[in-house]
Each structure stands twice: as structure tokens, then as C-alpha cells.
C-alpha atoms as a PDB file:
ATOM      1  CA  UNK A   1     -14.815 -15.641  -8.417  1.00  0.00           C
ATOM      2  CA  UNK A   2     -15.990 -14.945  -5.143  1.00  0.00           C
ATOM      3  CA  UNK A   3     -19.239 -12.772  -5.552  1.00  0.00           C
ATOM      4  CA  UNK A   4     -20.562 -12.280  -2.389  1.00  0.00           C
ATOM      5  CA  UNK A   5     -18.443 -11.330  -0.038  1.00  0.00           C
ATOM      6  CA  UNK A   6     -20.415  -9.691   3.764  1.00  0.00           C
ATOM      7  CA  UNK A   7     -23.305 -10.585   5.365  1.00  0.00           C
ATOM      8  CA  UNK A   8     -24.656  -7.807   3.536  1.00  0.00           C
ATOM      9  CA  UNK A   9     -24.678  -9.284   0.345  1.00  0.00           C
ATOM     10  CA  UNK A  10     -22.758  -6.737  -1.057  1.00  0.00           C
ATOM     11  CA  UNK A  11     -20.813  -8.477  -4.584  1.00  0.00           C
ATOM     12  CA  UNK A  12     -17.866  -7.162  -5.501  1.00  0.00           C
ATOM     13  CA  UNK A  13     -18.725  -4.813  -8.334  1.00  0.00           C
ATOM     14  CA  UNK A  14     -20.596  -2.635  -5.375  1.00  0.00           C
ATOM     15  CA  UNK A  15     -17.500  -2.616  -2.930  1.00  0.00           C
ATOM     16  CA  UNK A  16     -15.582  -1.837  -5.863  1.00  0.00           C
ATOM     17  CA  UNK A  17     -17.760   1.181  -6.809  1.00  0.00           C
ATOM     18  CA  UNK A  18     -17.912   2.316  -3.671  1.00  0.00           C
ATOM     19  CA  UNK A  19     -14.329   2.562  -3.689  1.00  0.00           C
ATOM     20  CA  UNK A  20     -13.567   3.825  -6.998  1.00  0.00           C
ATOM     21  CA  UNK A  21     -11.849   0.988  -7.941  1.00  0.00           C
ATOM     22  CA  UNK A  22     -11.983  -2.269 -10.098  1.00  0.00           C
ATOM     23  CA  UNK A  23     -13.421  -5.220  -8.904  1.00  0.00           C
ATOM     24  CA  UNK A  24     -10.613  -7.256  -9.708  1.00  0.00           C
ATOM     25  CA  UNK A  25      -8.652  -4.935  -7.311  1.00  0.00           C
ATOM     26  CA  UNK A  26     -11.140  -5.913  -4.680  1.00  0.00           C
ATOM     27  CA  UNK A  27     -10.836  -9.391  -5.308  1.00  0.00           C
ATOM     28  CA  UNK A  28      -6.948  -9.607  -5.316  1.00  0.00           C
ATOM     29  CA  UNK A  29      -7.074  -7.520  -1.845  1.00  0.00           C
ATOM     30  CA  UNK A  30      -9.720 -10.314  -0.516  1.00  0.00           C
ATOM     31  CA  UNK A  31      -7.748 -13.502  -1.889  1.00  0.00           C
ATOM     32  CA  UNK A  32      -4.029 -12.320  -1.981  1.00  0.00           C
ATOM     33  CA  UNK A  33      -4.202 -10.195   1.453  1.00  0.00           C
ATOM     34  CA  UNK A  34      -4.051  -6.836   2.019  1.00  0.00           C
ATOM     35  CA  UNK A  35      -0.365  -5.856   1.788  1.00  0.00           C
ATOM     36  CA  UNK A  36      -0.826  -6.611  -1.929  1.00  0.00           C
ATOM     37  CA  UNK A  37      -2.394  -3.043  -2.459  1.00  0.00           C
ATOM     38  CA  UNK A  38      -0.740  -1.248   0.307  1.00  0.00           C
ATOM     39  CA  UNK A  39       2.885   1.245  -0.286  1.00  0.00           C
ATOM     40  CA  UNK A  40       6.053   1.075   1.252  1.00  0.00           C
ATOM     41  CA  UNK A  41       5.015   3.015   4.316  1.00  0.00           C
ATOM     42  CA  UNK A  42       1.931   0.945   4.675  1.00  0.00           C
ATOM     43  CA  UNK A  43       3.859  -2.357   4.773  1.00  0.00           C
ATOM     44  CA  UNK A  44       6.337  -1.301   7.319  1.00  0.00           C
ATOM     45  CA  UNK A  45       3.531   0.234   9.287  1.00  0.00           C
ATOM     46  CA  UNK A  46       1.699  -2.972   9.285  1.00  0.00           C
ATOM     47  CA  UNK A  47       5.141  -5.010   9.911  1.00  0.00           C
ATOM     48  CA  UNK A  48       5.894  -2.953  13.341  1.00  0.00           C
ATOM     49  CA  UNK A  49       2.248  -3.200  14.180  1.00  0.00           C
ATOM     50  CA  UNK A  50       2.561  -7.088  14.132  1.00  0.00           C
ATOM     51  CA  UNK A  51       6.181  -7.343  15.554  1.00  0.00           C
ATOM     52  CA  UNK A  52       4.806  -5.307  18.612  1.00  0.00           C
ATOM     53  CA  UNK A  53       1.999  -7.368  18.986  1.00  0.00           C
ATOM     54  CA  UNK A  54       4.536 -10.510  19.456  1.00  0.00           C
ATOM     55  CA  UNK A  55       6.770  -8.862  21.968  1.00  0.00           C
ATOM     56  CA  UNK A  56       3.295  -7.432  24.190  1.00  0.00           C
ATOM     57  CA  UNK A  57       2.031 -11.192  23.788  1.00  0.00           C
ATOM     58  CA  UNK A  58       5.413 -12.359  25.043  1.00  0.00           C
ATOM     59  CA  UNK A  59       4.796 -10.232  28.086  1.00  0.00           C
ATOM     60  CA  UNK A  60       7.079  -7.242  27.325  1.00  0.00           C
ATOM     61  CA  UNK A  61       4.563  -4.516  27.830  1.00  0.00           C
ATOM     62  CA  UNK A  62       6.435  -1.442  29.234  1.00  0.00           C
ATOM     63  CA  UNK A  63       6.849   0.735  26.624  1.00  0.00           C
ATOM     64  CA  UNK A  64      11.140   0.716  27.590  1.00  0.00           C
ATOM     65  CA  UNK A  65      10.664  -2.608  26.939  1.00  0.00           C
ATOM     66  CA  UNK A  66       8.819  -2.627  23.578  1.00  0.00           C
ATOM     67  CA  UNK A  67      11.266   0.231  22.544  1.00  0.00           C
ATOM     68  CA  UNK A  68      14.020  -1.853  23.684  1.00  0.00           C
ATOM     69  CA  UNK A  69      12.908  -4.803  21.714  1.00  0.00           C
ATOM     70  CA  UNK A  70      12.439  -3.208  18.632  1.00  0.00           C
ATOM     71  CA  UNK A  71      15.901  -1.854  18.773  1.00  0.00           C
ATOM     72  CA  UNK A  72      14.667   1.751  18.904  1.00  0.00           C
ATOM     73  CA  UNK A  73      16.138   2.864  22.519  1.00  0.00           C
ATOM     74  CA  UNK A  74      16.851   6.461  23.225  1.00  0.00           C
END
């Protein structure tokens, strides 16, 4: 199992203790991705942010064009 996760040399146990969670939860988050610990609303926000990033990187950078691409036209 991963024991040191940053340049500061913090162990999983130290990170978990400071966050008030188990070491296993920290390990799973780091190895499985953050989506595994998010609730439904948070997952939707991440999905929307990824989608907006793709739209903006494709050159559609006006608020109106982003809203249109996301299907949120007024």
C-alpha cells in the first residue's frame, strides 16, 4: 500500500487523521479517483465542469455558446 503521498512526507494515516476519515478512504480516493467519494450533486458538478472545459477548449468561449452547447439556452 502507498505510504507517502506528497512531498511533505505525510503518510496515509496522517492525512486520514487530519481529515477525520479512515486510511482506507484516503487510499481509495487516491487510487480510484475522487469520484468514488463524491455525492450525486458533486459528481454532476464535476461532470458539468469537464463538459464546459471541453466546450471552451474547442473554441466556444462566449457564455451564450457555452450555455447552448450545454443545452441550457434561455
